């Protein structure tokens, strides 16, 4: 369990579908209820390359009220 303080959170992603296109799979990311990315598109972030990993770095603050938990929530954003 993390102690209260500031942390660098590194989220690793990769687009593994060879049929991926921009906007085909996007999602919102929240950590401990705070939005850190909206409509995050791994395909676009990887430079339109499939099978390439990307890392999303963000600083988070864990407080006593977080009960030393870090909760990461990914919400799929439907694209037409």
Foldseek 3Di string as FASTA:
>chain_A
DDDFFKDKDKDKDFAADPPDDPPPWFKWKDKPRHTDDGRDTQCVVQVNDHPDMDIDIDMDGDDVVNVRDIDMDIGIDDDD
